[in-house]
Amino acid sequence: MTPDEKRSDLPRYERVSVRRPMAARGDTDRAAKDSELLASAVLEELQVINGFMEFDIPEAAIGTLASAVTSRVESAFEVRWSPSWVARGRPHTWKEFDKWHARCNDCLAEAPASSSEDDAVSWFDAHYSSVHSNPESHGA
């Protein structure tokens, strides 16, 4: 039996939209950002593995898989962005398309794209001192 003949024996599934359980968790800005970061991380990981392992899974299928995995994880676990490689009170920084970015790990606010890492970290320092150092900010 050829590979094409084997494939024709497989059941065909219709594409379904995956319901995200966000509303049940209160749909706060923080929960929405955590969900977005999880979905992005799952999608990126599937894309990398698909390319590295040469699975040749179509991009639309990768997107559907990422959405399904994200939805399943969110329905069973409380997900909160907390990168272990970033020291408490410091930003997560990264370079993308020749621009530097910084993310506050307390509220997930992001710096505008900057030309240098120092500029991105300076944005974070100003953000953190104005938003998170004030006891009346309630941990915003």
N, C-alpha and C. Protein backbone atom coordinates (compact mmCIF):
# COMPACT_ATOMS: atom_id res chain seq x y z
N MET A 1 0.85 -1.17 0.00
CA MET A 1 0.00 0.00 0.00
C MET A 1 0.90 1.24 0.00
N THR A 2 0.61 2.20 -0.87
CA THR A 2 1.41 3.42 -0.97
C THR A 2 1.02 4.39 0.15
N PRO A 3 1.89 5.36 0.45
CA PRO A 3 1.55 6.35 1.47
C PRO A 3 0.26 7.11 1.16
N ASP A 4 0.02 7.40 -0.15
CA ASP A 4 -1.22 8.11 -0.50
C ASP A 4 -2.44 7.24 -0.24
N GLU A 5 -2.33 5.96 -0.47
CA GLU A 5 -3.45 5.05 -0.20
C GLU A 5 -3.70 4.97 1.31
N LYS A 6 -2.62 4.95 2.10
CA LYS A 6 -2.79 4.93 3.55
C LYS A 6 -3.49 6.19 4.04
N ARG A 7 -3.09 7.34 3.48
CA ARG A 7 -3.71 8.60 3.87
C ARG A 7 -5.20 8.64 3.55
N SER A 8 -5.59 8.02 2.46
CA SER A 8 -7.00 8.07 2.08
C SER A 8 -7.86 7.26 3.04
N ASP A 9 -7.26 6.34 3.82
CA ASP A 9 -8.00 5.56 4.80
C ASP A 9 -8.21 6.32 6.12
N LEU A 10 -7.47 7.40 6.30
CA LEU A 10 -7.59 8.15 7.55
C LEU A 10 -8.91 8.91 7.58
N PRO A 11 -9.52 9.02 8.76
CA PRO A 11 -10.76 9.80 8.85
C PRO A 11 -10.50 11.27 8.56
N ARG A 12 -11.47 11.93 7.98
CA ARG A 12 -11.37 13.36 7.67
C ARG A 12 -12.11 14.14 8.76
N TYR A 13 -11.46 15.16 9.26
CA TYR A 13 -12.07 15.98 10.30
C TYR A 13 -12.32 17.37 9.76
N GLU A 14 -13.44 17.93 10.14
CA GLU A 14 -13.72 19.31 9.78
C GLU A 14 -12.98 20.23 10.74
N ARG A 15 -12.57 21.35 10.23
CA ARG A 15 -11.93 22.33 11.10
C ARG A 15 -13.00 22.94 11.99
N VAL A 16 -12.72 22.97 13.27
CA VAL A 16 -13.66 23.55 14.22
C VAL A 16 -12.96 24.69 14.94
N SER A 17 -13.74 25.66 15.36
CA SER A 17 -13.12 26.73 16.13
C SER A 17 -13.04 26.27 17.57
N VAL A 18 -11.95 26.63 18.20
CA VAL A 18 -11.70 26.20 19.58
C VAL A 18 -12.15 27.31 20.51
N ARG A 19 -13.02 26.97 21.45
CA ARG A 19 -13.51 27.95 22.42
C ARG A 19 -12.44 28.18 23.47
N ARG A 20 -12.12 29.44 23.70
CA ARG A 20 -11.13 29.79 24.70
C ARG A 20 -11.84 30.03 26.03
N PRO A 21 -11.37 29.47 27.14
CA PRO A 21 -12.06 29.59 28.42
C PRO A 21 -11.80 30.89 29.17
N MET A 22 -11.29 31.91 28.50
CA MET A 22 -10.92 33.15 29.16
C MET A 22 -12.07 33.79 29.94
N ALA A 23 -13.27 33.84 29.38
CA ALA A 23 -14.37 34.55 30.04
C ALA A 23 -14.68 33.94 31.40
N ALA A 24 -14.51 32.65 31.52
CA ALA A 24 -14.80 31.98 32.78
C ALA A 24 -13.81 32.39 33.87
N ARG A 25 -12.62 32.87 33.49
CA ARG A 25 -11.60 33.27 34.46
C ARG A 25 -11.68 34.75 34.81
N GLY A 26 -12.64 35.43 34.27
CA GLY A 26 -12.78 36.84 34.61
C GLY A 26 -12.34 37.79 33.50
N ASP A 27 -11.65 37.31 32.50
CA ASP A 27 -11.26 38.08 31.33
C ASP A 27 -10.62 39.43 31.68
N THR A 28 -9.74 39.44 32.62
CA THR A 28 -9.02 40.66 32.97
C THR A 28 -7.95 40.94 31.93
N ASP A 29 -7.42 42.16 31.97
CA ASP A 29 -6.32 42.49 31.05
C ASP A 29 -5.15 41.55 31.26
N ARG A 30 -4.82 41.28 32.53
CA ARG A 30 -3.69 40.40 32.84
C ARG A 30 -3.95 39.00 32.30
N ALA A 31 -5.14 38.45 32.53
CA ALA A 31 -5.45 37.11 32.04
C ALA A 31 -5.41 37.07 30.51
N ALA A 32 -5.87 38.12 29.88
CA ALA A 32 -5.85 38.17 28.41
C ALA A 32 -4.40 38.19 27.90
N LYS A 33 -3.54 38.96 28.58
CA LYS A 33 -2.13 39.01 28.17
C LYS A 33 -1.44 37.67 28.42
N ASP A 34 -1.73 37.05 29.58
CA ASP A 34 -1.16 35.73 29.85
C ASP A 34 -1.58 34.73 28.78
N SER A 35 -2.85 34.78 28.41
CA SER A 35 -3.37 33.88 27.38
C SER A 35 -2.69 34.12 26.04
N GLU A 36 -2.53 35.39 25.69
CA GLU A 36 -1.87 35.73 24.43
C GLU A 36 -0.42 35.25 24.41
N LEU A 37 0.29 35.40 25.51
CA LEU A 37 1.68 34.93 25.59
C LEU A 37 1.76 33.41 25.50
N LEU A 38 0.83 32.72 26.15
CA LEU A 38 0.80 31.26 26.08
C LEU A 38 0.54 30.82 24.64
N ALA A 39 -0.46 31.40 24.01
CA ALA A 39 -0.80 31.03 22.62
C ALA A 39 0.38 31.28 21.69
N SER A 40 1.06 32.40 21.87
CA SER A 40 2.21 32.74 21.05
C SER A 40 3.34 31.74 21.26
N ALA A 41 3.59 31.37 22.53
CA ALA A 41 4.67 30.42 22.83
C ALA A 41 4.37 29.05 22.25
N VAL A 42 3.13 28.60 22.35
CA VAL A 42 2.76 27.29 21.81
C VAL A 42 2.90 27.30 20.29
N LEU A 43 2.39 28.35 19.65
CA LEU A 43 2.48 28.45 18.19
C LEU A 43 3.93 28.47 17.74
N GLU A 44 4.75 29.28 18.38
CA GLU A 44 6.16 29.38 18.01
C GLU A 44 6.87 28.03 18.18
N GLU A 45 6.58 27.34 19.28
CA GLU A 45 7.24 26.05 19.52
C GLU A 45 6.83 25.03 18.45
N LEU A 46 5.55 25.01 18.10
CA LEU A 46 5.10 24.08 17.05
C LEU A 46 5.73 24.42 15.70
N GLN A 47 5.85 25.70 15.39
CA GLN A 47 6.48 26.10 14.14
C GLN A 47 7.95 25.69 14.10
N VAL A 48 8.66 25.88 15.20
CA VAL A 48 10.08 25.51 15.26
C VAL A 48 10.24 24.00 15.10
N ILE A 49 9.47 23.25 15.85
CA ILE A 49 9.56 21.78 15.77
C ILE A 49 9.17 21.29 14.39
N ASN A 50 8.14 21.87 13.81
CA ASN A 50 7.71 21.49 12.47
C ASN A 50 8.83 21.71 11.45
N GLY A 51 9.51 22.84 11.57
CA GLY A 51 10.61 23.12 10.65
C GLY A 51 11.83 22.26 10.93
N PHE A 52 12.18 22.14 12.20
CA PHE A 52 13.37 21.38 12.59
C PHE A 52 13.23 19.90 12.24
N MET A 53 12.07 19.34 12.51
CA MET A 53 11.85 17.92 12.26
C MET A 53 11.37 17.63 10.83
N GLU A 54 11.17 18.70 10.04
CA GLU A 54 10.73 18.57 8.65
C GLU A 54 9.44 17.76 8.54
N PHE A 55 8.47 18.07 9.42
CA PHE A 55 7.18 17.37 9.37
C PHE A 55 6.32 17.84 8.21
N ASP A 56 6.56 19.04 7.70
CA ASP A 56 5.79 19.61 6.60
C ASP A 56 4.30 19.73 6.92
N ILE A 57 4.00 20.07 8.16
CA ILE A 57 2.60 20.30 8.54
C ILE A 57 2.23 21.69 8.03
N PRO A 58 1.11 21.81 7.32
CA PRO A 58 0.72 23.13 6.80
C PRO A 58 0.53 24.15 7.93
N GLU A 59 0.83 25.41 7.62
CA GLU A 59 0.74 26.48 8.61
C GLU A 59 -0.66 26.57 9.22
N ALA A 60 -1.70 26.38 8.42
CA ALA A 60 -3.06 26.43 8.95
C ALA A 60 -3.28 25.33 10.00
N ALA A 61 -2.73 24.16 9.76
CA ALA A 61 -2.86 23.07 10.73
C ALA A 61 -2.06 23.38 12.00
N ILE A 62 -0.89 24.00 11.84
CA ILE A 62 -0.09 24.40 13.00
C ILE A 62 -0.90 25.38 13.85
N GLY A 63 -1.55 26.34 13.22
CA GLY A 63 -2.37 27.31 13.93
C GLY A 63 -3.52 26.65 14.67
N THR A 64 -4.17 25.69 14.03
CA THR A 64 -5.27 24.97 14.67
C THR A 64 -4.77 24.15 15.85
N LEU A 65 -3.63 23.48 15.69
CA LEU A 65 -3.05 22.71 16.79
C LEU A 65 -2.67 23.63 17.95
N ALA A 66 -2.06 24.75 17.65
CA ALA A 66 -1.67 25.70 18.71
C ALA A 66 -2.89 26.19 19.47
N SER A 67 -3.95 26.50 18.75
CA SER A 67 -5.18 26.97 19.40
C SER A 67 -5.78 25.88 20.28
N ALA A 68 -5.79 24.65 19.79
CA ALA A 68 -6.35 23.53 20.56
C ALA A 68 -5.53 23.26 21.81
N VAL A 69 -4.21 23.24 21.68
CA VAL A 69 -3.34 22.99 22.84
C VAL A 69 -3.50 24.11 23.86
N THR A 70 -3.49 25.36 23.40
CA THR A 70 -3.65 26.50 24.30
C THR A 70 -4.97 26.42 25.05
N SER A 71 -6.03 26.13 24.32
CA SER A 71 -7.35 26.03 24.94
C SER A 71 -7.40 24.93 25.99
N ARG A 72 -6.82 23.80 25.68
CA ARG A 72 -6.82 22.67 26.62
C ARG A 72 -6.02 23.01 27.88
N VAL A 73 -4.87 23.60 27.70
CA VAL A 73 -4.05 23.97 28.86
C VAL A 73 -4.81 24.98 29.72
N GLU A 74 -5.40 25.99 29.09
CA GLU A 74 -6.12 27.01 29.85
C GLU A 74 -7.35 26.46 30.56
N SER A 75 -7.94 25.41 30.02
CA SER A 75 -9.14 24.87 30.65
C SER A 75 -8.81 24.05 31.90
N ALA A 76 -7.57 23.61 32.03
CA ALA A 76 -7.20 22.74 33.15
C ALA A 76 -6.17 23.36 34.10
N PHE A 77 -5.52 24.43 33.69
CA PHE A 77 -4.45 25.01 34.48
C PHE A 77 -4.59 26.53 34.53
N GLU A 78 -4.15 27.11 35.62
CA GLU A 78 -4.06 28.56 35.67
C GLU A 78 -2.70 28.95 35.13
N VAL A 79 -2.69 29.70 34.07
CA VAL A 79 -1.44 30.04 33.40
C VAL A 79 -1.11 31.50 33.69
N ARG A 80 0.11 31.72 34.12
CA ARG A 80 0.58 33.09 34.39
C ARG A 80 2.01 33.21 33.88
N TRP A 81 2.25 34.22 33.07
CA TRP A 81 3.58 34.47 32.54
C TRP A 81 4.53 34.77 33.69
N SER A 82 5.56 33.99 33.83
CA SER A 82 6.56 34.25 34.87
C SER A 82 7.86 33.58 34.46
N PRO A 83 8.59 34.22 33.55
CA PRO A 83 9.82 33.61 33.05
C PRO A 83 10.86 33.44 34.16
N SER A 84 11.31 32.23 34.34
CA SER A 84 12.25 31.92 35.41
C SER A 84 13.65 32.48 35.14
N TRP A 85 13.92 32.86 33.93
CA TRP A 85 15.26 33.36 33.60
C TRP A 85 15.40 34.87 33.86
N VAL A 86 14.33 35.53 34.29
CA VAL A 86 14.37 36.96 34.54
C VAL A 86 14.34 37.21 36.05
N ALA A 87 15.29 37.99 36.54
CA ALA A 87 15.34 38.31 37.97
C ALA A 87 14.12 39.13 38.37
N ARG A 88 13.62 38.88 39.56
CA ARG A 88 12.46 39.61 40.06
C ARG A 88 12.76 41.12 40.05
N GLY A 89 11.79 41.88 39.57
CA GLY A 89 11.95 43.33 39.50
C GLY A 89 12.74 43.81 38.30
N ARG A 90 13.06 42.92 37.38
CA ARG A 90 13.78 43.29 36.15
C ARG A 90 12.91 42.93 34.96
N PRO A 91 13.16 43.53 33.81
CA PRO A 91 12.32 43.25 32.64
C PRO A 91 12.81 42.03 31.85
N HIS A 92 11.91 41.46 31.11
CA HIS A 92 12.29 40.48 30.09
C HIS A 92 12.59 41.31 28.85
N THR A 93 13.80 41.20 28.33
CA THR A 93 14.18 41.94 27.13
C THR A 93 14.51 40.98 26.00
N TRP A 94 14.24 41.42 24.79
CA TRP A 94 14.58 40.62 23.62
C TRP A 94 14.72 41.52 22.41
N LYS A 95 15.43 41.00 21.41
CA LYS A 95 15.64 41.74 20.17
C LYS A 95 14.88 41.05 19.06
N GLU A 96 14.11 41.84 18.33
CA GLU A 96 13.32 41.29 17.23
C GLU A 96 13.30 42.32 16.10
N PHE A 97 13.65 41.89 14.91
CA PHE A 97 13.69 42.77 13.75
C PHE A 97 14.53 44.02 14.02
N ASP A 98 15.71 43.82 14.60
CA ASP A 98 16.67 44.89 14.90
C ASP A 98 16.16 45.94 15.88
N LYS A 99 15.12 45.63 16.62
CA LYS A 99 14.61 46.54 17.66
C LYS A 99 14.58 45.80 18.98
N TRP A 100 14.83 46.54 20.05
CA TRP A 100 14.81 45.96 21.39
C TRP A 100 13.45 46.18 22.05
N HIS A 101 13.02 45.19 22.81
CA HIS A 101 11.74 45.23 23.51
C HIS A 101 11.99 44.88 24.97
N ALA A 102 11.12 45.39 25.84
CA ALA A 102 11.16 45.05 27.26
C ALA A 102 9.73 44.81 27.72
N ARG A 103 9.56 43.81 28.58
CA ARG A 103 8.25 43.50 29.14
C ARG A 103 8.35 43.49 30.65
N CYS A 104 7.42 44.16 31.30
CA CYS A 104 7.33 44.14 32.75
C CYS A 104 6.68 42.82 33.15
N ASN A 105 7.34 42.07 34.00
CA ASN A 105 6.81 40.76 34.38
C ASN A 105 5.72 40.85 35.45
N ASP A 106 5.53 42.04 36.03
CA ASP A 106 4.46 42.21 37.02
C ASP A 106 3.11 42.48 36.35
N CYS A 107 3.09 43.35 35.34
CA CYS A 107 1.81 43.71 34.71
C CYS A 107 1.78 43.41 33.21
N LEU A 108 2.89 42.97 32.64
CA LEU A 108 3.04 42.61 31.23
C LEU A 108 2.98 43.78 30.28
N ALA A 109 3.13 45.01 30.80
CA ALA A 109 3.24 46.16 29.91
C ALA A 109 4.52 46.01 29.09
N GLU A 110 4.49 46.48 27.85
CA GLU A 110 5.65 46.36 26.97
C GLU A 110 6.12 47.72 26.52
N ALA A 111 7.43 47.86 26.46
CA ALA A 111 8.05 49.09 25.97
C ALA A 111 7.84 49.20 24.48
N PRO A 112 7.76 50.43 23.98
CA PRO A 112 7.78 50.60 22.52
C PRO A 112 9.11 50.07 21.99
N ALA A 113 9.14 49.61 20.76
CA ALA A 113 10.38 49.12 20.17
C ALA A 113 11.46 50.19 20.27
N SER A 114 12.63 49.79 20.71
CA SER A 114 13.73 50.74 20.94
C SER A 114 14.94 50.36 20.09
N SER A 115 15.80 51.34 19.86
CA SER A 115 16.98 51.07 19.05
C SER A 115 18.08 50.37 19.85
N SER A 116 17.98 50.42 21.20
CA SER A 116 19.01 49.76 22.00
C SER A 116 18.37 49.07 23.21
N GLU A 117 19.08 48.10 23.74
CA GLU A 117 18.60 47.42 24.94
C GLU A 117 18.57 48.39 26.12
N ASP A 118 19.55 49.28 26.19
CA ASP A 118 19.58 50.27 27.27
C ASP A 118 18.32 51.13 27.26
N ASP A 119 17.87 51.54 26.07
CA ASP A 119 16.64 52.35 25.98
C ASP A 119 15.43 51.55 26.45
N ALA A 120 15.34 50.29 26.08
CA ALA A 120 14.22 49.44 26.50
C ALA A 120 14.23 49.27 28.02
N VAL A 121 15.41 49.06 28.60
CA VAL A 121 15.52 48.89 30.05
C VAL A 121 15.22 50.21 30.76
N SER A 122 15.62 51.33 30.16
CA SER A 122 15.30 52.64 30.76
C SER A 122 13.79 52.84 30.80
N TRP A 123 13.10 52.45 29.73
CA TRP A 123 11.63 52.52 29.76
C TRP A 123 11.09 51.70 30.93
N PHE A 124 11.62 50.48 31.08
CA PHE A 124 11.15 49.62 32.18
C PHE A 124 11.41 50.27 33.54
N ASP A 125 12.60 50.81 33.74
CA ASP A 125 12.93 51.42 35.02
C ASP A 125 11.94 52.54 35.36
N ALA A 126 11.63 53.39 34.38
CA ALA A 126 10.67 54.48 34.61
C ALA A 126 9.27 53.91 34.87
N HIS A 127 8.89 52.91 34.09
CA HIS A 127 7.58 52.27 34.26
C HIS A 127 7.47 51.65 35.65
N TYR A 128 8.47 50.89 36.01
CA TYR A 128 8.41 50.15 37.29
C TYR A 128 8.35 51.11 38.48
N SER A 129 9.16 52.16 38.43
CA SER A 129 9.16 53.09 39.57
C SER A 129 7.87 53.89 39.65
N SER A 130 7.24 54.18 38.52
CA SER A 130 6.00 54.96 38.57
C SER A 130 4.78 54.09 38.84
N VAL A 131 4.78 52.84 38.39
CA VAL A 131 3.58 52.00 38.53
C VAL A 131 3.68 51.04 39.72
N HIS A 132 4.83 50.42 39.92
CA HIS A 132 4.91 49.34 40.90
C HIS A 132 5.56 49.73 42.23
N SER A 133 6.20 50.88 42.28
CA SER A 133 6.81 51.31 43.54
C SER A 133 5.85 52.10 44.41
N ASN A 134 4.73 52.50 43.82
CA ASN A 134 3.73 53.27 44.54
C ASN A 134 2.79 52.32 45.26
N PRO A 135 2.69 52.37 46.61
CA PRO A 135 1.82 51.44 47.34
C PRO A 135 0.35 51.57 46.93
N GLU A 136 -0.04 52.71 46.36
CA GLU A 136 -1.43 52.89 45.96
C GLU A 136 -1.71 52.29 44.59
N SER A 137 -0.69 51.75 43.93
CA SER A 137 -0.90 51.17 42.60
C SER A 137 -1.57 49.81 42.69
N HIS A 138 -1.62 49.22 43.87
CA HIS A 138 -2.26 47.92 44.09
C HIS A 138 -1.69 46.84 43.21
N GLY A 139 -0.39 46.89 42.93
CA GLY A 139 0.27 45.84 42.14
C GLY A 139 -0.08 45.88 40.69
N ALA A 140 -0.55 47.01 40.16
CA ALA A 140 -0.97 47.12 38.77
C ALA A 140 0.15 46.76 37.83
